[in-house]
């Protein structure tokens, strides 16, 4: 297997993908499929799901070899530690000698002789986990806004409680957090301030989600300028961070909370 990323912006995105994944899981399976790199993992409390999809065209080189698709298991903290050591001028090369190898080679290289190439060999592990089949569905409401704006709001709401109440109608999107100690925080987002918005005619949604899990999801706010939010009664919240190519994204599902 030979996979490489040479564009500086894409190297940075790839490194950022693994920066916060340890918040969701200690170990991950990475699926190198014929047409894409794919990750799916569930957090320890089984409340949220992390998904990554990168088509093979996103990479400068993507060759799996004659053995076909490869699945590797690796500690998430180790992978981030290696990627975080990369100089911003260096490209990323990922290699594996054979499908049955228990080691993965990760190399950082650049033409600048003042920056030394770095070569790592990582021990792989077997992680026995089944992928969840997540069905496509029609959502009752969906909207897009600045990812940084949404992340800043979540940080502030977290000071006022453990849960976020999201209200969505044709007229407005409103959010609220409550704490007996600190009081309430309410924010109404004018429809005109939202990048895109769609809701079923006459629909009113009033849903509750964990602010702790939303805070972890918002750690990825710097990876994409926009965040896409999808809502449906009695179903998990879906949040997408679209990356710089079609069908290239980080996606989260977060189960709603039941009000007492």
C-alpha atoms as a PDB file:
ATOM      1  CA  UNK A   1       0.000   0.000   0.000  1.00  0.00           C
ATOM      2  CA  UNK A   2       1.276   3.456  -0.954  1.00  0.00           C
ATOM      3  CA  UNK A   3      -0.677   6.596  -0.069  1.00  0.00           C
ATOM      4  CA  UNK A   4       0.680  10.122  -0.218  1.00  0.00           C
ATOM      5  CA  UNK A   5      -0.472  13.701   0.398  1.00  0.00           C
ATOM      6  CA  UNK A   6       1.769  16.478  -0.903  1.00  0.00           C
ATOM      7  CA  UNK A   7      -0.418  19.605  -0.803  1.00  0.00           C
ATOM      8  CA  UNK A   8       0.291  21.561   2.381  1.00  0.00           C
ATOM      9  CA  UNK A   9      -3.380  22.403   3.009  1.00  0.00           C
ATOM     10  CA  UNK A  10      -4.442  18.775   2.694  1.00  0.00           C
ATOM     11  CA  UNK A  11      -1.599  17.584   4.918  1.00  0.00           C
ATOM     12  CA  UNK A  12      -2.849  19.993   7.557  1.00  0.00           C
ATOM     13  CA  UNK A  13      -6.444  18.753   7.215  1.00  0.00           C
ATOM     14  CA  UNK A  14      -5.334  15.114   7.464  1.00  0.00           C
ATOM     15  CA  UNK A  15      -3.379  15.869  10.635  1.00  0.00           C
ATOM     16  CA  UNK A  16      -6.292  17.783  12.174  1.00  0.00           C
ATOM     17  CA  UNK A  17      -8.654  14.869  11.544  1.00  0.00           C
ATOM     18  CA  UNK A  18      -6.808  12.833  14.175  1.00  0.00           C
ATOM     19  CA  UNK A  19      -6.148  15.686  16.600  1.00  0.00           C
ATOM     20  CA  UNK A  20      -9.343  15.199  18.608  1.00  0.00           C
ATOM     21  CA  UNK A  21     -10.417  11.670  17.699  1.00  0.00           C
ATOM     22  CA  UNK A  22      -9.071  10.468  21.051  1.00  0.00           C
ATOM     23  CA  UNK A  23     -12.046  12.273  22.631  1.00  0.00           C
ATOM     24  CA  UNK A  24     -14.280   9.625  21.032  1.00  0.00           C
ATOM     25  CA  UNK A  25     -12.209   6.444  21.118  1.00  0.00           C
ATOM     26  CA  UNK A  26      -8.844   5.082  22.243  1.00  0.00           C
ATOM     27  CA  UNK A  27      -8.434   2.799  19.228  1.00  0.00           C
ATOM     28  CA  UNK A  28      -9.650   3.087  15.658  1.00  0.00           C
ATOM     29  CA  UNK A  29      -9.966   0.924  12.596  1.00  0.00           C
ATOM     30  CA  UNK A  30      -9.028   2.724   9.374  1.00  0.00           C
ATOM     31  CA  UNK A  31     -10.551   1.159   6.264  1.00  0.00           C
ATOM     32  CA  UNK A  32      -8.520   1.669   3.099  1.00  0.00           C
ATOM     33  CA  UNK A  33     -11.134   0.788   0.497  1.00  0.00           C
ATOM     34  CA  UNK A  34     -10.716   0.830  -3.244  1.00  0.00           C
ATOM     35  CA  UNK A  35     -12.511   4.175  -3.639  1.00  0.00           C
ATOM     36  CA  UNK A  36     -12.057   5.808  -0.250  1.00  0.00           C
ATOM     37  CA  UNK A  37     -10.476   6.004   3.167  1.00  0.00           C
ATOM     38  CA  UNK A  38     -13.181   5.464   5.782  1.00  0.00           C
ATOM     39  CA  UNK A  39     -13.408   5.549   9.572  1.00  0.00           C
ATOM     40  CA  UNK A  40     -16.423   4.881  11.779  1.00  0.00           C
ATOM     41  CA  UNK A  41     -16.242   4.761  15.558  1.00  0.00           C
ATOM     42  CA  UNK A  42     -18.610   5.141  18.500  1.00  0.00           C
ATOM     43  CA  UNK A  43     -17.724   6.864  21.758  1.00  0.00           C
ATOM     44  CA  UNK A  44     -17.501   4.842  24.969  1.00  0.00           C
ATOM     45  CA  UNK A  45     -20.932   5.926  26.199  1.00  0.00           C
ATOM     46  CA  UNK A  46     -22.552   4.876  22.891  1.00  0.00           C
ATOM     47  CA  UNK A  47     -24.104   8.317  22.496  1.00  0.00           C
ATOM     48  CA  UNK A  48     -22.212   9.647  19.474  1.00  0.00           C
ATOM     49  CA  UNK A  49     -20.746   8.262  16.244  1.00  0.00           C
ATOM     50  CA  UNK A  50     -17.743   9.681  14.373  1.00  0.00           C
ATOM     51  CA  UNK A  51     -17.439   9.128  10.617  1.00  0.00           C
ATOM     52  CA  UNK A  52     -14.712  10.163   8.188  1.00  0.00           C
ATOM     53  CA  UNK A  53     -14.923   9.736   4.436  1.00  0.00           C
ATOM     54  CA  UNK A  54     -12.115  10.734   2.057  1.00  0.00           C
ATOM     55  CA  UNK A  55     -12.405   9.635  -1.592  1.00  0.00           C
ATOM     56  CA  UNK A  56      -9.274   8.222  -3.217  1.00  0.00           C
ATOM     57  CA  UNK A  57      -9.159  11.257  -5.526  1.00  0.00           C
ATOM     58  CA  UNK A  58      -8.459  13.463  -2.488  1.00  0.00           C
ATOM     59  CA  UNK A  59      -4.974  11.945  -2.212  1.00  0.00           C
ATOM     60  CA  UNK A  60      -2.050  12.583  -4.561  1.00  0.00           C
ATOM     61  CA  UNK A  61      -1.343   8.855  -4.617  1.00  0.00           C
ATOM     62  CA  UNK A  62      -3.687   6.098  -3.484  1.00  0.00           C
ATOM     63  CA  UNK A  63      -2.565   2.563  -4.317  1.00  0.00           C
ATOM     64  CA  UNK A  64      -3.653  -0.451  -2.337  1.00  0.00           C
ATOM     65  CA  UNK A  65      -1.851  -3.108  -4.351  1.00  0.00           C
ATOM     66  CA  UNK A  66      -3.052  -6.444  -5.639  1.00  0.00           C
ATOM     67  CA  UNK A  67      -4.305  -7.592  -2.228  1.00  0.00           C
ATOM     68  CA  UNK A  68      -7.124  -5.055  -2.345  1.00  0.00           C
ATOM     69  CA  UNK A  69      -8.845  -3.412   0.610  1.00  0.00           C
ATOM     70  CA  UNK A  70      -6.926  -3.104   3.872  1.00  0.00           C
ATOM     71  CA  UNK A  71      -8.129  -2.542   7.435  1.00  0.00           C
ATOM     72  CA  UNK A  72      -5.680  -1.403  10.098  1.00  0.00           C
ATOM     73  CA  UNK A  73      -6.197  -0.947  13.830  1.00  0.00           C
ATOM     74  CA  UNK A  74      -4.186   1.694  15.634  1.00  0.00           C
ATOM     75  CA  UNK A  75      -4.262   3.637  18.945  1.00  0.00           C
ATOM     76  CA  UNK A  76      -5.754   7.045  18.186  1.00  0.00           C
ATOM     77  CA  UNK A  77      -3.382   8.920  20.521  1.00  0.00           C
ATOM     78  CA  UNK A  78      -0.281   7.408  18.869  1.00  0.00           C
ATOM     79  CA  UNK A  79      -1.451   8.380  15.392  1.00  0.00           C
ATOM     80  CA  UNK A  80      -2.122  11.954  16.425  1.00  0.00           C
ATOM     81  CA  UNK A  81       1.226  12.188  18.209  1.00  0.00           C
ATOM     82  CA  UNK A  82       3.052  11.220  15.024  1.00  0.00           C
ATOM     83  CA  UNK A  83       1.062  13.532  12.755  1.00  0.00           C
ATOM     84  CA  UNK A  84       1.512  16.390  15.207  1.00  0.00           C
ATOM     85  CA  UNK A  85       5.299  16.046  14.895  1.00  0.00           C
ATOM     86  CA  UNK A  86       5.184  16.826  11.152  1.00  0.00           C
ATOM     87  CA  UNK A  87       6.700  20.095   9.987  1.00  0.00           C
ATOM     88  CA  UNK A  88       4.182  22.090   7.935  1.00  0.00           C
ATOM     89  CA  UNK A  89       6.512  21.931   4.926  1.00  0.00           C
ATOM     90  CA  UNK A  90       6.551  18.122   4.879  1.00  0.00           C
ATOM     91  CA  UNK A  91       4.409  15.787   2.822  1.00  0.00           C
ATOM     92  CA  UNK A  92       2.797  12.646   4.259  1.00  0.00           C
ATOM     93  CA  UNK A  93       3.475   9.141   2.953  1.00  0.00           C
ATOM     94  CA  UNK A  94       1.760   6.055   4.361  1.00  0.00           C
ATOM     95  CA  UNK A  95       3.063   2.629   3.382  1.00  0.00           C
ATOM     96  CA  UNK A  96       2.418  -0.980   4.232  1.00  0.00           C
ATOM     97  CA  UNK A  97       4.467  -3.862   2.832  1.00  0.00           C
ATOM     98  CA  UNK A  98       1.583  -6.345   2.709  1.00  0.00           C
ATOM     99  CA  UNK A  99      -1.977  -6.794   3.874  1.00  0.00           C
ATOM    100  CA  UNK A 100      -0.852  -9.145   6.654  1.00  0.00           C
ATOM    101  CA  UNK A 101       1.866  -6.853   7.993  1.00  0.00           C
ATOM    102  CA  UNK A 102       1.616  -5.848  11.652  1.00  0.00           C
ATOM    103  CA  UNK A 103       3.443  -2.552  11.064  1.00  0.00           C
ATOM    104  CA  UNK A 104       2.561   0.695   9.296  1.00  0.00           C
ATOM    105  CA  UNK A 105       5.188   3.088   7.935  1.00  0.00           C
ATOM    106  CA  UNK A 106       4.515   6.837   8.109  1.00  0.00           C
ATOM    107  CA  UNK A 107       7.038   9.180   6.511  1.00  0.00           C
ATOM    108  CA  UNK A 108       7.264  12.976   6.494  1.00  0.00           C
ATOM    109  CA  UNK A 109       9.454  14.395   3.733  1.00  0.00           C
ATOM    110  CA  UNK A 110      10.270  17.699   2.022  1.00  0.00           C
ATOM    111  CA  UNK A 111      12.858  19.157  -0.332  1.00  0.00           C
ATOM    112  CA  UNK A 112      14.155  21.669   2.216  1.00  0.00           C
ATOM    113  CA  UNK A 113      17.404  20.121   3.479  1.00  0.00           C
ATOM    114  CA  UNK A 114      17.207  22.177   6.675  1.00  0.00           C
ATOM    115  CA  UNK A 115      14.155  20.123   7.654  1.00  0.00           C
ATOM    116  CA  UNK A 116      15.050  16.509   8.288  1.00  0.00           C
ATOM    117  CA  UNK A 117      12.828  13.761   6.934  1.00  0.00           C
ATOM    118  CA  UNK A 118      11.082  11.732   9.605  1.00  0.00           C
ATOM    119  CA  UNK A 119      10.310   8.039   9.369  1.00  0.00           C
ATOM    120  CA  UNK A 120       8.066   6.153  11.763  1.00  0.00           C
ATOM    121  CA  UNK A 121       7.009   2.539  12.081  1.00  0.00           C
ATOM    122  CA  UNK A 122       3.872   1.913  14.098  1.00  0.00           C
ATOM    123  CA  UNK A 123       2.729  -1.389  15.581  1.00  0.00           C
ATOM    124  CA  UNK A 124      -0.781  -2.283  14.457  1.00  0.00           C
ATOM    125  CA  UNK A 125      -3.465  -4.072  16.442  1.00  0.00           C
ATOM    126  CA  UNK A 126      -6.581  -6.095  15.729  1.00  0.00           C
ATOM    127  CA  UNK A 127      -9.772  -4.318  16.757  1.00  0.00           C
ATOM    128  CA  UNK A 128     -12.873  -6.493  16.595  1.00  0.00           C
ATOM    129  CA  UNK A 129     -15.743  -4.091  15.993  1.00  0.00           C
ATOM    130  CA  UNK A 130     -18.701  -4.187  13.640  1.00  0.00           C
ATOM    131  CA  UNK A 131     -19.571  -1.228  11.481  1.00  0.00           C
ATOM    132  CA  UNK A 132     -23.031   0.205  11.951  1.00  0.00           C
ATOM    133  CA  UNK A 133     -25.257   0.425   8.900  1.00  0.00           C
ATOM    134  CA  UNK A 134     -26.598   3.976   9.125  1.00  0.00           C
ATOM    135  CA  UNK A 135     -29.604   4.422   6.832  1.00  0.00           C
ATOM    136  CA  UNK A 136     -30.112   7.499   4.696  1.00  0.00           C
ATOM    137  CA  UNK A 137     -33.096   9.528   5.844  1.00  0.00           C
ATOM    138  CA  UNK A 138     -35.045  12.655   5.089  1.00  0.00           C
ATOM    139  CA  UNK A 139     -34.574  15.223   7.830  1.00  0.00           C
ATOM    140  CA  UNK A 140     -37.322  17.584   8.950  1.00  0.00           C
ATOM    141  CA  UNK A 141     -34.963  20.555   9.259  1.00  0.00           C
ATOM    142  CA  UNK A 142     -31.439  21.359   8.144  1.00  0.00           C
ATOM    143  CA  UNK A 143     -29.328  24.474   8.279  1.00  0.00           C
ATOM    144  CA  UNK A 144     -25.734  25.648   7.763  1.00  0.00           C
ATOM    145  CA  UNK A 145     -23.783  28.325   9.567  1.00  0.00           C
ATOM    146  CA  UNK A 146     -20.218  29.312  10.414  1.00  0.00           C
ATOM    147  CA  UNK A 147     -18.521  26.449  12.278  1.00  0.00           C
ATOM    148  CA  UNK A 148     -16.562  28.876  14.476  1.00  0.00           C
ATOM    149  CA  UNK A 149     -19.754  30.766  15.387  1.00  0.00           C
ATOM    150  CA  UNK A 150     -21.496  27.544  16.406  1.00  0.00           C
ATOM    151  CA  UNK A 151     -18.453  26.342  18.392  1.00  0.00           C
ATOM    152  CA  UNK A 152     -18.254  29.634  20.288  1.00  0.00           C
ATOM    153  CA  UNK A 153     -21.947  29.368  21.181  1.00  0.00           C
ATOM    154  CA  UNK A 154     -21.503  25.807  22.469  1.00  0.00           C
ATOM    155  CA  UNK A 155     -18.558  26.924  24.632  1.00  0.00           C
ATOM    156  CA  UNK A 156     -20.740  29.628  26.189  1.00  0.00           C
ATOM    157  CA  UNK A 157     -23.788  27.389  26.626  1.00  0.00           C
ATOM    158  CA  UNK A 158     -21.615  24.860  28.446  1.00  0.00           C
ATOM    159  CA  UNK A 159     -21.179  27.411  31.244  1.00  0.00           C
ATOM    160  CA  UNK A 160     -24.926  27.334  31.842  1.00  0.00           C
ATOM    161  CA  UNK A 161     -25.785  23.664  31.957  1.00  0.00           C
ATOM    162  CA  UNK A 162     -25.246  20.137  30.699  1.00  0.00           C
ATOM    163  CA  UNK A 163     -27.893  20.093  27.977  1.00  0.00           C
ATOM    164  CA  UNK A 164     -28.759  22.220  24.962  1.00  0.00           C
ATOM    165  CA  UNK A 165     -32.375  22.712  23.990  1.00  0.00           C
ATOM    166  CA  UNK A 166     -32.745  23.367  20.248  1.00  0.00           C
ATOM    167  CA  UNK A 167     -35.947  24.905  18.916  1.00  0.00           C
ATOM    168  CA  UNK A 168     -36.477  25.123  15.179  1.00  0.00           C
ATOM    169  CA  UNK A 169     -39.447  26.502  13.235  1.00  0.00           C
ATOM    170  CA  UNK A 170     -40.048  28.343   9.966  1.00  0.00           C
ATOM    171  CA  UNK A 171     -39.588  31.660  11.804  1.00  0.00           C
ATOM    172  CA  UNK A 172     -36.456  31.076  13.881  1.00  0.00           C
ATOM    173  CA  UNK A 173     -33.793  28.826  15.351  1.00  0.00           C
ATOM    174  CA  UNK A 174     -33.388  29.211  19.105  1.00  0.00           C
ATOM    175  CA  UNK A 175     -31.100  27.551  21.635  1.00  0.00           C
ATOM    176  CA  UNK A 176     -31.219  27.454  25.418  1.00  0.00           C
ATOM    177  CA  UNK A 177     -29.184  26.098  28.327  1.00  0.00           C
ATOM    178  CA  UNK A 178     -30.257  26.120  31.971  1.00  0.00           C
ATOM    179  CA  UNK A 179     -28.495  25.644  35.290  1.00  0.00           C
ATOM    180  CA  UNK A 180     -29.861  26.072  38.807  1.00  0.00           C
ATOM    181  CA  UNK A 181     -26.515  27.525  39.853  1.00  0.00           C
ATOM    182  CA  UNK A 182     -25.785  29.982  37.008  1.00  0.00           C
ATOM    183  CA  UNK A 183     -29.204  30.624  35.434  1.00  0.00           C
ATOM    184  CA  UNK A 184     -30.242  30.552  31.790  1.00  0.00           C
ATOM    185  CA  UNK A 185     -28.657  31.392  28.451  1.00  0.00           C
ATOM    186  CA  UNK A 186     -30.886  31.946  25.431  1.00  0.00           C
ATOM    187  CA  UNK A 187     -29.835  32.681  21.861  1.00  0.00           C
ATOM    188  CA  UNK A 188     -32.061  33.230  18.837  1.00  0.00           C
ATOM    189  CA  UNK A 189     -30.376  33.010  15.438  1.00  0.00           C
ATOM    190  CA  UNK A 190     -32.153  35.138  12.812  1.00  0.00           C
ATOM    191  CA  UNK A 191     -32.980  33.163   9.692  1.00  0.00           C
ATOM    192  CA  UNK A 192     -31.201  35.812   7.589  1.00  0.00           C
ATOM    193  CA  UNK A 193     -27.921  35.078   9.418  1.00  0.00           C
ATOM    194  CA  UNK A 194     -27.976  31.390   8.455  1.00  0.00           C
ATOM    195  CA  UNK A 195     -26.051  30.342   5.330  1.00  0.00           C
ATOM    196  CA  UNK A 196     -28.793  27.918   4.282  1.00  0.00           C
ATOM    197  CA  UNK A 197     -32.018  26.754   5.914  1.00  0.00           C
ATOM    198  CA  UNK A 198     -34.791  24.304   5.071  1.00  0.00           C
ATOM    199  CA  UNK A 199     -37.632  22.949   7.197  1.00  0.00           C
ATOM    200  CA  UNK A 200     -40.784  21.011   6.427  1.00  0.00           C
ATOM    201  CA  UNK A 201     -43.806  23.284   6.119  1.00  0.00           C
ATOM    202  CA  UNK A 202     -45.476  23.842   9.493  1.00  0.00           C
ATOM    203  CA  UNK A 203     -42.837  21.795  11.331  1.00  0.00           C
ATOM    204  CA  UNK A 204     -41.744  22.733  14.871  1.00  0.00           C
ATOM    205  CA  UNK A 205     -38.849  20.879  16.495  1.00  0.00           C
ATOM    206  CA  UNK A 206     -37.880  21.037  20.156  1.00  0.00           C
ATOM    207  CA  UNK A 207     -34.971  18.697  20.914  1.00  0.00           C
ATOM    208  CA  UNK A 208     -32.452  18.198  23.710  1.00  0.00           C
ATOM    209  CA  UNK A 209     -28.762  17.227  23.345  1.00  0.00           C
ATOM    210  CA  UNK A 210     -25.718  16.778  25.573  1.00  0.00           C
ATOM    211  CA  UNK A 211     -23.523  19.886  25.641  1.00  0.00           C
ATOM    212  CA  UNK A 212     -20.494  17.800  26.640  1.00  0.00           C
ATOM    213  CA  UNK A 213     -20.737  15.739  23.456  1.00  0.00           C
ATOM    214  CA  UNK A 214     -21.495  18.822  21.350  1.00  0.00           C
ATOM    215  CA  UNK A 215     -18.380  20.467  22.781  1.00  0.00           C
ATOM    216  CA  UNK A 216     -16.258  17.497  21.645  1.00  0.00           C
ATOM    217  CA  UNK A 217     -17.830  17.636  18.182  1.00  0.00           C
ATOM    218  CA  UNK A 218     -17.087  21.364  17.956  1.00  0.00           C
ATOM    219  CA  UNK A 219     -13.386  20.706  18.543  1.00  0.00           C
ATOM    220  CA  UNK A 220     -13.328  20.156  14.769  1.00  0.00           C
ATOM    221  CA  UNK A 221     -14.652  23.650  13.997  1.00  0.00           C
ATOM    222  CA  UNK A 222     -11.308  24.795  12.525  1.00  0.00           C
ATOM    223  CA  UNK A 223     -11.251  22.027   9.927  1.00  0.00           C
ATOM    224  CA  UNK A 224     -14.122  23.517   7.902  1.00  0.00           C
ATOM    225  CA  UNK A 225     -15.540  27.020   7.515  1.00  0.00           C
ATOM    226  CA  UNK A 226     -19.117  25.766   7.708  1.00  0.00           C
ATOM    227  CA  UNK A 227     -21.094  23.251   9.722  1.00  0.00           C
ATOM    228  CA  UNK A 228     -24.254  21.514   8.439  1.00  0.00           C
ATOM    229  CA  UNK A 229     -26.839  20.505  11.036  1.00  0.00           C
ATOM    230  CA  UNK A 230     -29.706  18.064  10.393  1.00  0.00           C
ATOM    231  CA  UNK A 231     -32.664  17.548  12.750  1.00  0.00           C
ATOM    232  CA  UNK A 232     -35.486  15.027  12.983  1.00  0.00           C
ATOM    233  CA  UNK A 233     -37.795  14.146  15.872  1.00  0.00           C
ATOM    234  CA  UNK A 234     -36.805  11.019  17.825  1.00  0.00           C
ATOM    235  CA  UNK A 235     -33.635  10.616  15.768  1.00  0.00           C
ATOM    236  CA  UNK A 236     -29.970  11.460  16.295  1.00  0.00           C
ATOM    237  CA  UNK A 237     -28.736  14.910  15.405  1.00  0.00           C
ATOM    238  CA  UNK A 238     -26.440  14.792  12.373  1.00  0.00           C
ATOM    239  CA  UNK A 239     -23.559  17.257  12.031  1.00  0.00           C
ATOM    240  CA  UNK A 240     -21.356  17.472   8.933  1.00  0.00           C
ATOM    241  CA  UNK A 241     -18.061  19.259   8.421  1.00  0.00           C
ATOM    242  CA  UNK A 242     -17.697  19.366   4.623  1.00  0.00           C
ATOM    243  CA  UNK A 243     -14.083  19.256   3.484  1.00  0.00           C
ATOM    244  CA  UNK A 244     -12.576  20.499   0.243  1.00  0.00           C
ATOM    245  CA  UNK A 245     -13.936  17.912  -2.190  1.00  0.00           C
ATOM    246  CA  UNK A 246     -17.294  16.330  -3.000  1.00  0.00           C
ATOM    247  CA  UNK A 247     -18.155  13.416  -0.696  1.00  0.00           C
ATOM    248  CA  UNK A 248     -15.257  14.313   1.588  1.00  0.00           C
ATOM    249  CA  UNK A 249     -16.406  15.014   5.144  1.00  0.00           C
ATOM    250  CA  UNK A 250     -16.293  14.453   8.867  1.00  0.00           C
ATOM    251  CA  UNK A 251     -19.732  13.495  10.159  1.00  0.00           C
ATOM    252  CA  UNK A 252     -21.179  13.021  13.626  1.00  0.00           C
ATOM    253  CA  UNK A 253     -24.408  11.510  14.922  1.00  0.00           C
ATOM    254  CA  UNK A 254     -25.537  12.448  18.429  1.00  0.00           C
ATOM    255  CA  UNK A 255     -28.452  10.745  20.166  1.00  0.00           C
ATOM    256  CA  UNK A 256     -31.088  13.091  21.630  1.00  0.00           C
ATOM    257  CA  UNK A 257     -31.752  13.210  25.355  1.00  0.00           C
ATOM    258  CA  UNK A 258     -35.162  12.534  26.863  1.00  0.00           C
ATOM    259  CA  UNK A 259     -36.447  15.356  29.035  1.00  0.00           C
ATOM    260  CA  UNK A 260     -37.469  14.422  32.574  1.00  0.00           C
END
